[in-house]
Amino acid sequence: MKKIYLLIISFLLISCSFNQTFSNRESDKNDAEKISKKFYWELRYGANYDKIYSLFSNKFFEVTPKETLDKMNTISQNEIGPIIEYNLVKWETFVAKGTNPRSEYVLIYDVKREMGKTQETFSMRKENGIIKIVGYRINQDLLNK
């Protein structure tokens, strides 16, 4: 009888997942911001697309070819102008540690460009311990051009 109870308890413990979750911690935001800051630095000063590509997940490029990312950045640089400054206006993070780890980040920036403004959204995930961009969107503010 004791063996049956031990067996049942063992199955219950094995099937359970133990996670500790955190939402919107400042430290997680700071970790994600390092990636977006590298992206903006390369756009403004480096223009090294290989370094920009390394910030993105392979999952991003399964949906969006590198040429499309290049085209987005070239069009925004040529039509709206180079980046003058960028400010984080909204952010959300979710980190789960434990048996089912997961880290997700969303950062939204207001970007002042030479001839207008954009709002740019980064979606990121941690892959193999490294935060990578999985989504990037540029919205132009047509009213404040």
Protein backbone atom coordinates (compact mmCIF):
# COMPACT_ATOMS: atom_id res chain seq x y z
CA MET A 1 0.00 0.00 0.00
CA LYS A 2 2.85 2.40 0.82
CA LYS A 3 4.34 1.77 -2.61
CA ILE A 4 1.10 2.82 -4.30
CA TYR A 5 1.01 6.08 -2.34
CA LEU A 6 4.67 6.76 -3.12
CA LEU A 7 4.00 6.01 -6.79
CA ILE A 8 1.01 8.38 -6.90
CA ILE A 9 2.94 11.15 -5.13
CA SER A 10 5.88 10.65 -7.51
CA PHE A 11 3.61 11.02 -10.57
CA LEU A 12 2.05 14.15 -9.15
CA LEU A 13 5.43 15.74 -8.50
CA ILE A 14 6.80 14.77 -11.90
CA SER A 15 3.80 16.15 -13.78
CA CYS A 16 3.84 19.46 -11.93
CA SER A 17 5.67 22.41 -13.38
CA PHE A 18 7.35 24.85 -11.08
CA ASN A 19 7.64 28.37 -12.42
CA GLN A 20 8.32 31.71 -10.88
CA THR A 21 6.92 34.58 -12.95
CA PHE A 22 7.75 38.25 -13.07
CA SER A 23 5.92 41.02 -14.91
CA ASN A 24 7.27 44.44 -15.75
CA ARG A 25 10.43 44.36 -13.69
CA GLU A 26 12.73 47.32 -14.27
CA SER A 27 15.74 45.01 -14.61
CA ASP A 28 14.04 43.04 -17.41
CA LYS A 29 13.18 46.28 -19.21
CA ASN A 30 16.81 47.39 -18.92
CA ASP A 31 18.01 44.08 -20.40
CA ALA A 32 15.67 44.45 -23.38
CA GLU A 33 16.59 48.12 -23.86
CA LYS A 34 20.21 47.13 -24.45
CA ILE A 35 19.10 45.39 -27.65
CA SER A 36 17.03 48.30 -28.99
CA LYS A 37 19.83 50.75 -28.14
CA LYS A 38 22.30 48.63 -30.12
CA PHE A 39 19.84 48.62 -33.02
CA TYR A 40 19.47 52.41 -33.00
CA TRP A 41 23.21 52.94 -32.57
CA GLU A 42 23.93 50.83 -35.65
CA LEU A 43 21.26 52.67 -37.65
CA ARG A 44 22.59 56.07 -36.63
CA TYR A 45 26.34 55.54 -36.63
CA GLY A 46 27.38 52.09 -37.76
CA ALA A 47 25.16 51.16 -40.67
CA ASN A 48 26.59 47.65 -40.33
CA TYR A 49 23.66 45.51 -41.37
CA ASP A 50 25.38 42.29 -40.25
CA LYS A 51 25.43 43.67 -36.69
CA ILE A 52 21.79 44.70 -37.03
CA TYR A 53 20.85 41.23 -38.33
CA SER A 54 22.55 39.60 -35.33
CA LEU A 55 20.06 41.35 -33.02
CA PHE A 56 17.15 39.57 -34.72
CA SER A 57 15.89 36.05 -34.18
CA ASN A 58 15.98 33.58 -37.05
CA LYS A 59 12.21 33.36 -36.49
CA PHE A 60 11.93 37.00 -37.58
CA PHE A 61 13.72 36.25 -40.84
CA GLU A 62 11.46 33.26 -41.52
CA VAL A 63 8.63 35.77 -41.90
CA THR A 64 10.49 38.91 -43.00
CA PRO A 65 13.46 38.59 -45.37
CA LYS A 66 16.59 40.64 -44.62
CA GLU A 67 15.95 42.63 -47.80
CA THR A 68 12.56 43.74 -46.45
CA LEU A 69 14.14 44.88 -43.18
CA ASP A 70 16.78 46.78 -45.16
CA LYS A 71 14.06 48.36 -47.31
CA MET A 72 12.05 49.43 -44.22
CA ASN A 73 15.10 51.13 -42.73
CA THR A 74 16.18 52.72 -46.02
CA ILE A 75 12.72 54.11 -46.77
CA SER A 76 12.30 55.50 -43.26
CA GLN A 77 15.78 57.09 -43.42
CA ASN A 78 15.19 58.59 -46.89
CA GLU A 79 11.55 59.68 -46.54
CA ILE A 80 11.28 60.63 -42.86
CA GLY A 81 14.93 61.32 -42.20
CA PRO A 82 17.70 60.09 -39.99
CA ILE A 83 17.02 59.46 -36.32
CA ILE A 84 17.59 62.51 -34.14
CA GLU A 85 16.43 61.01 -30.85
CA TYR A 86 14.30 58.18 -29.49
CA ASN A 87 12.41 57.85 -26.23
CA LEU A 88 10.86 54.79 -24.65
CA VAL A 89 7.17 55.55 -24.08
CA LYS A 90 5.72 52.16 -23.15
CA TRP A 91 7.07 48.78 -22.18
CA GLU A 92 5.93 45.39 -20.95
CA THR A 93 7.95 42.38 -19.86
CA PHE A 94 7.10 38.85 -18.79
CA VAL A 95 9.70 36.45 -17.45
CA ALA A 96 9.00 32.91 -16.22
CA LYS A 97 11.80 30.96 -14.57
CA GLY A 98 11.60 27.28 -13.74
CA THR A 99 10.56 24.17 -15.59
CA ASN A 100 8.91 26.13 -18.43
CA PRO A 101 11.13 29.22 -18.80
CA ARG A 102 10.01 32.06 -21.05
CA SER A 103 11.04 35.69 -21.42
CA GLU A 104 9.09 38.16 -23.57
CA TYR A 105 9.52 41.90 -23.96
CA VAL A 106 7.69 44.70 -25.83
CA LEU A 107 9.24 48.17 -26.10
CA ILE A 108 7.57 51.11 -27.85
CA TYR A 109 9.59 54.19 -28.80
CA ASP A 110 8.65 57.64 -30.04
CA VAL A 111 11.35 58.42 -32.58
CA LYS A 112 12.08 61.96 -33.69
CA ARG A 113 13.49 62.03 -37.21
CA GLU A 114 14.73 64.90 -39.31
CA MET A 115 11.45 65.31 -41.24
CA GLY A 116 8.87 63.75 -38.92
CA LYS A 117 8.12 61.29 -36.19
CA THR A 118 7.64 57.56 -36.02
CA GLN A 119 6.52 55.16 -33.35
CA GLU A 120 8.57 51.98 -33.40
CA THR A 121 7.70 48.75 -31.64
CA PHE A 122 10.12 45.97 -30.77
CA SER A 123 8.89 42.54 -29.70
CA MET A 124 11.63 40.39 -28.20
CA ARG A 125 12.17 36.94 -26.73
CA LYS A 126 15.04 35.32 -24.96
CA GLU A 127 16.51 32.46 -27.00
CA ASN A 128 19.27 30.33 -25.50
CA GLY A 129 19.91 33.01 -22.90
CA ILE A 130 20.13 35.88 -25.43
CA ILE A 131 17.40 38.45 -26.06
CA LYS A 132 16.53 38.60 -29.77
CA ILE A 133 14.11 40.77 -31.75
CA VAL A 134 11.19 38.72 -33.09
CA GLY A 135 9.07 41.64 -34.30
CA TYR A 136 9.79 45.19 -35.44
CA ARG A 137 7.23 47.70 -36.69
CA ILE A 138 7.52 51.34 -37.78
CA ASN A 139 4.44 53.57 -37.73
CA GLN A 140 4.69 57.05 -39.16
CA ASP A 141 2.89 59.94 -37.49
CA LEU A 142 1.36 61.60 -40.55
CA LEU A 143 -0.20 64.46 -38.55
CA ASN A 144 3.08 65.75 -37.13
CA LYS A 145 5.23 65.69 -40.21
